C-alpha atoms as a PDB file:
ATOM      1  CA  UNK A   1     111.614  27.258  79.145  1.00  0.00           C
ATOM      2  CA  UNK A   2     114.909  28.737  78.908  1.00  0.00           C
ATOM      3  CA  UNK A   3     118.009  27.065  78.367  1.00  0.00           C
ATOM      4  CA  UNK A   4     120.556  29.830  80.145  1.00  0.00           C
ATOM      5  CA  UNK A   5     120.484  28.287  83.345  1.00  0.00           C
ATOM      6  CA  UNK A   6     123.487  26.298  84.532  1.00  0.00           C
ATOM      7  CA  UNK A   7     123.574  22.388  85.051  1.00  0.00           C
ATOM      8  CA  UNK A   8     124.931  20.460  87.659  1.00  0.00           C
ATOM      9  CA  UNK A   9     125.144  16.661  88.449  1.00  0.00           C
ATOM     10  CA  UNK A  10     124.796  15.035  91.211  1.00  0.00           C
ATOM     11  CA  UNK A  11     127.322  14.628  93.949  1.00  0.00           C
ATOM     12  CA  UNK A  12     126.676  10.602  93.684  1.00  0.00           C
ATOM     13  CA  UNK A  13     128.081  10.646  90.335  1.00  0.00           C
ATOM     14  CA  UNK A  14     132.025  11.281  91.093  1.00  0.00           C
ATOM     15  CA  UNK A  15     133.711  11.507  88.224  1.00  0.00           C
ATOM     16  CA  UNK A  16     131.742   9.241  85.957  1.00  0.00           C
ATOM     17  CA  UNK A  17     130.903  10.893  82.681  1.00  0.00           C
ATOM     18  CA  UNK A  18     127.540   8.780  82.717  1.00  0.00           C
ATOM     19  CA  UNK A  19     125.070  10.863  84.761  1.00  0.00           C
ATOM     20  CA  UNK A  20     122.056  13.259  84.564  1.00  0.00           C
ATOM     21  CA  UNK A  21     122.475  16.886  85.069  1.00  0.00           C
ATOM     22  CA  UNK A  22     119.931  19.386  86.343  1.00  0.00           C
ATOM     23  CA  UNK A  23     119.108  22.896  86.046  1.00  0.00           C
ATOM     24  CA  UNK A  24     116.793  25.026  87.762  1.00  0.00           C
ATOM     25  CA  UNK A  25     114.576  27.498  86.012  1.00  0.00           C
ATOM     26  CA  UNK A  26     111.690  29.908  86.478  1.00  0.00           C
ATOM     27  CA  UNK A  27     110.001  27.383  84.490  1.00  0.00           C
ATOM     28  CA  UNK A  28     110.729  24.306  86.152  1.00  0.00           C
ATOM     29  CA  UNK A  29     113.523  22.352  86.287  1.00  0.00           C
ATOM     30  CA  UNK A  30     115.567  21.296  83.074  1.00  0.00           C
ATOM     31  CA  UNK A  31     117.441  17.853  82.969  1.00  0.00           C
ATOM     32  CA  UNK A  32     119.633  16.547  80.575  1.00  0.00           C
ATOM     33  CA  UNK A  33     121.815  13.207  79.874  1.00  0.00           C
ATOM     34  CA  UNK A  34     125.375  13.616  79.729  1.00  0.00           C
ATOM     35  CA  UNK A  35     126.824  10.556  78.114  1.00  0.00           C
ATOM     36  CA  UNK A  36     126.479  12.123  74.603  1.00  0.00           C
ATOM     37  CA  UNK A  37     128.335  15.004  74.251  1.00  0.00           C
ATOM     38  CA  UNK A  38     127.187  16.133  71.048  1.00  0.00           C
ATOM     39  CA  UNK A  39     123.459  15.954  71.980  1.00  0.00           C
ATOM     40  CA  UNK A  40     123.881  17.389  75.125  1.00  0.00           C
ATOM     41  CA  UNK A  41     122.967  20.675  74.964  1.00  0.00           C
ATOM     42  CA  UNK A  42     119.868  19.800  72.627  1.00  0.00           C
ATOM     43  CA  UNK A  43     118.358  17.014  74.248  1.00  0.00           C
ATOM     44  CA  UNK A  44     116.638  18.748  77.764  1.00  0.00           C
ATOM     45  CA  UNK A  45     113.801  17.733  79.403  1.00  0.00           C
ATOM     46  CA  UNK A  46     111.700  19.852  80.965  1.00  0.00           C
ATOM     47  CA  UNK A  47     109.624  19.474  84.161  1.00  0.00           C
ATOM     48  CA  UNK A  48     107.391  21.740  85.776  1.00  0.00           C
ATOM     49  CA  UNK A  49     107.984  22.138  89.165  1.00  0.00           C
ATOM     50  CA  UNK A  50     105.091  20.218  90.628  1.00  0.00           C
ATOM     51  CA  UNK A  51     105.859  17.081  88.459  1.00  0.00           C
ATOM     52  CA  UNK A  52     109.649  17.303  89.369  1.00  0.00           C
ATOM     53  CA  UNK A  53     108.772  17.756  92.884  1.00  0.00           C
ATOM     54  CA  UNK A  54     106.452  14.317  92.710  1.00  0.00           C
ATOM     55  CA  UNK A  55     109.153  12.905  91.070  1.00  0.00           C
ATOM     56  CA  UNK A  56     112.000  13.200  93.147  1.00  0.00           C
ATOM     57  CA  UNK A  57     109.498  12.732  96.751  1.00  0.00           C
ATOM     58  CA  UNK A  58     109.160   9.126  94.775  1.00  0.00           C
ATOM     59  CA  UNK A  59     112.161   8.530  94.510  1.00  0.00           C
ATOM     60  CA  UNK A  60     113.097   8.986  99.072  1.00  0.00           C
ATOM     61  CA  UNK A  61     110.020   6.767  99.325  1.00  0.00           C
END
């Protein structure tokens, strides 16, 4: 998966630095933790679209 996509954080995060950011990718969804500035661009999880859909659906149920 490519890492050139802009990340965005949840509107629920407010001004807090401890949040998770996501980015859409042609191959799925990229997720990173923003707590550690030095690792921000290296530690990225990649999820297939189906896996991300199942995960977010489980949060809503």
